[in-house]
Amino acid sequence: MKKQDRQKRLEFLLAKRKELEKRENKELLFSECVNALGKGVIIYFPEKSEERYCSFQKEVPFTF
């Protein structure tokens, strides 16, 4: 394997590792938030979350 090929492979692997670490950090933060909310927490899919948010916005007026 040429030096240039090894360098590209290393850069690729480092980028993948960094991406994985970001994902793990997000999962950890999400897990901590869910734990902080306690039992009875419900996690919706993004579509359902948007639907719930819109209905909440209609019921409770937001001001800026």
Protein backbone atom coordinates (compact mmCIF):
# COMPACT_ATOMS: atom_id res chain seq x y z
CA MET A 1 0.00 0.00 0.00
CA LYS A 2 1.37 3.38 -0.95
CA LYS A 3 1.96 6.07 1.62
CA GLN A 4 -0.73 8.26 0.03
CA ASP A 5 -3.25 5.40 0.14
CA ARG A 6 -2.45 4.75 3.80
CA GLN A 7 -2.88 8.45 4.57
CA LYS A 8 -6.30 8.53 2.88
CA ARG A 9 -7.36 5.38 4.72
CA LEU A 10 -6.23 6.84 8.03
CA GLU A 11 -8.14 10.07 7.39
CA PHE A 12 -11.23 8.06 6.49
CA LEU A 13 -11.00 5.95 9.65
CA LEU A 14 -10.43 9.00 11.85
CA ALA A 15 -13.47 10.75 10.34
CA LYS A 16 -15.62 7.65 10.95
CA ARG A 17 -14.39 7.45 14.54
CA LYS A 18 -15.17 11.11 15.14
CA GLU A 19 -18.66 10.62 13.70
CA LEU A 20 -19.22 7.62 15.98
CA GLU A 21 -18.05 9.57 19.04
CA LYS A 22 -20.50 12.39 18.23
CA ARG A 23 -23.34 9.88 17.93
CA GLU A 24 -22.38 8.26 21.24
CA ASN A 25 -22.29 11.66 22.96
CA LYS A 26 -25.76 12.50 21.65
CA GLU A 27 -27.09 9.14 22.78
CA LEU A 28 -25.59 9.64 26.24
CA LEU A 29 -27.09 13.12 26.56
CA PHE A 30 -30.48 11.86 25.37
CA SER A 31 -30.34 9.00 27.86
CA GLU A 32 -29.49 11.39 30.70
CA CYS A 33 -32.41 13.65 29.76
CA VAL A 34 -34.84 10.74 29.70
CA ASN A 35 -33.56 9.54 33.08
CA ALA A 36 -33.94 13.04 34.54
CA LEU A 37 -37.59 13.12 33.46
CA GLY A 38 -38.25 9.94 35.41
CA LYS A 39 -40.82 7.20 34.94
CA GLY A 40 -43.73 7.76 32.61
CA VAL A 41 -41.75 9.67 29.99
CA ILE A 42 -43.03 9.09 26.45
CA ILE A 43 -40.69 9.39 23.47
CA TYR A 44 -42.38 10.14 20.15
CA PHE A 45 -41.18 9.87 16.59
CA PRO A 46 -40.28 13.29 15.08
CA GLU A 47 -43.58 13.46 13.16
CA LYS A 48 -45.65 12.90 16.30
CA SER A 49 -43.49 15.36 18.23
CA GLU A 50 -44.16 18.04 15.60
CA GLU A 51 -47.88 17.30 15.74
CA ARG A 52 -47.91 17.60 19.55
CA TYR A 53 -45.88 20.80 19.43
CA CYS A 54 -48.24 22.39 16.90
CA SER A 55 -51.30 21.54 18.99
CA PHE A 56 -49.56 22.93 22.09
CA GLN A 57 -48.76 26.14 20.19
CA LYS A 58 -52.43 26.55 19.30
CA GLU A 59 -53.47 26.14 22.93
CA VAL A 60 -50.76 28.31 24.49
CA PRO A 61 -49.92 31.52 22.63
CA PHE A 62 -46.21 32.24 22.33
CA THR A 63 -44.86 35.79 22.39
CA PHE A 64 -41.43 36.98 21.44
